[in-house]
Amino acid sequence: MSSLRKHARLLLVAVVCVALGAGASASASAIATAGAASSSSAKTGAAGGRAKLARIGGLRRFAARAVHGDVVVRTKSGFATVTFDRGTVDSVSGQQLTIAEGTKKASYKTVTVTIPAGAVVRDDRHKASLSDVKAGQRVLVLVAPKRTFVMARTPKTA
């Protein structure tokens, strides 16, 4: 397994954990407000399985909409912070990558990230250097404790 995939999964696990905590909190609040649920209305069998799949799909949609995050994860030697930024490349200047964080329909803010020399850069799923990343591409920058990943892709034209 490549280290790129290994750290991307770590980020996804962290985002899912945050989402699960928020979902559990919202569920507990709703149950407390509505009163205790009767055992006859509990989901069983296939219906419970479909509900679980629906929750997982919801978490995936939640993670797909995230544009910035700082997650503290446990490591062998303690704790470390993993940061990600997602958006559209505004410019690349040396080791500086300027990103307009947001989605196609809404922008959040513009950030400039310093990319270290040893960063793993992928452009449309191929090995690349930071200078290969061009303005207008969609990009995900993942800053992990030991390595930085930059994953860029050219948007499809309609």
Protein backbone atom coordinates (compact mmCIF):
# COMPACT_ATOMS: atom_id res chain seq x y z
CA MET A 1 0.00 0.00 0.00
CA SER A 2 1.45 3.36 -0.95
CA SER A 3 2.04 5.93 1.77
CA LEU A 4 -0.24 8.34 -0.12
CA ARG A 5 -3.19 5.97 0.16
CA LYS A 6 -2.26 5.16 3.77
CA HIS A 7 -2.46 8.81 4.85
CA ALA A 8 -5.57 9.54 2.78
CA ARG A 9 -7.32 6.72 4.62
CA LEU A 10 -6.10 8.17 7.93
CA LEU A 11 -7.70 11.49 7.05
CA LEU A 12 -10.93 9.81 5.97
CA VAL A 13 -11.05 7.85 9.23
CA ALA A 14 -10.54 11.05 11.22
CA VAL A 15 -13.28 12.90 9.31
CA VAL A 16 -15.65 9.94 9.70
CA CYS A 17 -14.96 9.83 13.46
CA VAL A 18 -15.81 13.51 13.76
CA ALA A 19 -18.98 13.01 11.72
CA LEU A 20 -20.00 9.97 13.78
CA GLY A 21 -19.57 11.95 16.98
CA ALA A 22 -21.70 14.79 15.61
CA GLY A 23 -24.32 12.33 14.36
CA ALA A 24 -24.44 10.46 17.66
CA SER A 25 -24.84 13.73 19.52
CA ALA A 26 -27.69 14.84 17.24
CA SER A 27 -29.37 11.45 17.56
CA ALA A 28 -29.12 11.48 21.33
CA SER A 29 -30.60 14.97 21.45
CA ALA A 30 -33.47 13.98 19.18
CA ILE A 31 -34.26 10.88 21.24
CA ALA A 32 -34.11 12.82 24.49
CA THR A 33 -36.47 15.43 23.08
CA ALA A 34 -38.93 12.98 21.57
CA GLY A 35 -38.91 10.57 24.52
CA ALA A 36 -37.84 6.98 24.69
CA ALA A 37 -38.47 4.91 21.60
CA SER A 38 -40.59 1.80 22.07
CA SER A 39 -39.07 -1.57 21.36
CA SER A 40 -41.77 -2.35 18.79
CA SER A 41 -40.56 0.50 16.58
CA ALA A 42 -36.92 -0.64 16.65
CA LYS A 43 -35.37 -1.54 13.32
CA THR A 44 -34.39 -5.17 12.82
CA GLY A 45 -32.90 -7.33 10.11
CA ALA A 46 -32.64 -5.94 6.59
CA ALA A 47 -34.20 -2.59 7.49
CA GLY A 48 -31.43 -1.99 10.05
CA GLY A 49 -28.80 -2.89 7.44
CA ARG A 50 -30.23 -0.40 4.94
CA ALA A 51 -30.23 2.29 7.61
CA LYS A 52 -26.57 1.61 8.35
CA LEU A 53 -25.68 1.88 4.65
CA ALA A 54 -27.61 5.15 4.44
CA ARG A 55 -25.59 6.54 7.39
CA ILE A 56 -22.32 5.51 5.77
CA GLY A 57 -23.36 7.19 2.51
CA GLY A 58 -24.21 10.33 4.49
CA LEU A 59 -20.78 10.33 6.11
CA ARG A 60 -19.14 9.95 2.72
CA ARG A 61 -21.11 12.94 1.42
CA PHE A 62 -20.08 14.89 4.52
CA ALA A 63 -16.39 14.11 3.95
CA ALA A 64 -16.69 14.98 0.26
CA ARG A 65 -18.02 18.45 1.11
CA ALA A 66 -15.26 19.32 3.60
CA VAL A 67 -12.85 22.00 2.30
CA HIS A 68 -10.57 22.47 5.32
CA GLY A 69 -9.81 20.47 8.40
CA ASP A 70 -7.39 20.04 11.27
CA VAL A 71 -7.54 16.62 12.91
CA VAL A 72 -5.53 15.40 15.88
CA VAL A 73 -4.69 11.71 15.54
CA ARG A 74 -2.97 9.28 17.86
CA THR A 75 0.45 8.03 16.75
CA LYS A 76 2.90 5.52 18.21
CA SER A 77 4.70 8.31 20.06
CA GLY A 78 1.73 10.46 21.12
CA PHE A 79 -0.48 12.76 19.05
CA ALA A 80 -0.03 14.59 15.76
CA THR A 81 -2.06 17.07 13.73
CA VAL A 82 -3.14 16.28 10.18
CA THR A 83 -4.37 19.23 8.10
CA PHE A 84 -6.12 19.20 4.75
CA ASP A 85 -7.14 21.95 2.34
CA ARG A 86 -9.27 21.38 -0.75
CA GLY A 87 -10.17 23.81 -3.53
CA THR A 88 -9.07 25.31 -6.84
CA VAL A 89 -5.48 26.30 -7.57
CA ASP A 90 -5.10 30.07 -7.95
CA SER A 91 -1.34 30.05 -8.49
CA VAL A 92 1.91 28.17 -7.95
CA SER A 93 5.05 30.17 -7.18
CA GLY A 94 8.12 28.19 -6.18
CA GLN A 95 7.07 26.14 -3.15
CA GLN A 96 3.98 28.31 -2.50
CA LEU A 97 0.60 26.94 -3.57
CA THR A 98 -2.34 29.38 -3.40
CA ILE A 99 -5.73 27.66 -3.13
CA ALA A 100 -9.23 29.12 -3.29
CA GLU A 101 -10.91 26.82 -0.78
CA GLY A 102 -14.48 25.91 -1.54
CA THR A 103 -16.71 24.13 -4.01
CA LYS A 104 -17.70 24.90 -7.58
CA LYS A 105 -20.67 26.97 -6.37
CA ALA A 106 -19.31 28.62 -3.20
CA SER A 107 -15.93 29.84 -1.98
CA TYR A 108 -14.71 29.79 1.62
CA LYS A 109 -11.37 31.61 1.63
CA THR A 110 -8.02 31.80 -0.14
CA VAL A 111 -5.00 30.23 1.55
CA THR A 112 -1.33 29.94 0.65
CA VAL A 113 0.32 26.66 1.63
CA THR A 114 4.10 26.15 1.66
CA ILE A 115 4.85 22.75 0.14
CA PRO A 116 8.11 21.14 1.34
CA ALA A 117 10.61 19.83 -1.19
CA GLY A 118 9.96 16.16 -0.30
CA ALA A 119 6.20 16.36 -0.85
CA VAL A 120 4.43 13.67 -2.86
CA VAL A 121 2.71 15.38 -5.80
CA ARG A 122 0.18 13.65 -8.07
CA ASP A 123 -1.33 15.35 -11.13
CA ASP A 124 -4.26 13.47 -12.67
CA ARG A 125 -3.09 10.32 -10.82
CA HIS A 126 0.47 10.50 -12.22
CA LYS A 127 3.69 11.37 -10.41
CA ALA A 128 4.47 15.04 -10.88
CA SER A 129 6.29 18.00 -9.40
CA LEU A 130 4.69 21.06 -7.87
CA SER A 131 5.50 23.08 -11.01
CA ASP A 132 3.25 20.69 -13.00
CA VAL A 133 0.20 21.84 -11.01
CA LYS A 134 -1.59 24.62 -12.93
CA ALA A 135 -4.11 27.30 -12.04
CA GLY A 136 -7.71 26.12 -12.35
CA GLN A 137 -7.03 22.54 -11.26
CA ARG A 138 -8.90 21.04 -8.30
CA VAL A 139 -6.43 20.18 -5.54
CA LEU A 140 -6.27 18.44 -2.16
CA VAL A 141 -3.30 19.21 0.08
CA LEU A 142 -2.78 16.85 3.00
CA VAL A 143 -0.14 17.82 5.55
CA ALA A 144 0.67 14.80 7.72
CA PRO A 145 3.32 14.58 10.45
CA LYS A 146 6.02 13.00 8.27
CA ARG A 147 4.94 13.83 4.73
CA THR A 148 2.90 16.26 2.64
CA PHE A 149 0.68 15.13 -0.23
CA VAL A 150 -0.63 17.26 -3.09
CA MET A 151 -3.26 15.64 -5.29
CA ALA A 152 -4.36 17.72 -8.28
CA ARG A 153 -6.77 16.92 -11.06
CA THR A 154 -7.90 18.76 -14.12
CA PRO A 155 -11.67 19.34 -14.04
CA LYS A 156 -13.72 17.80 -16.83
CA THR A 157 -14.91 20.30 -19.40
CA ALA A 158 -18.55 20.18 -20.38
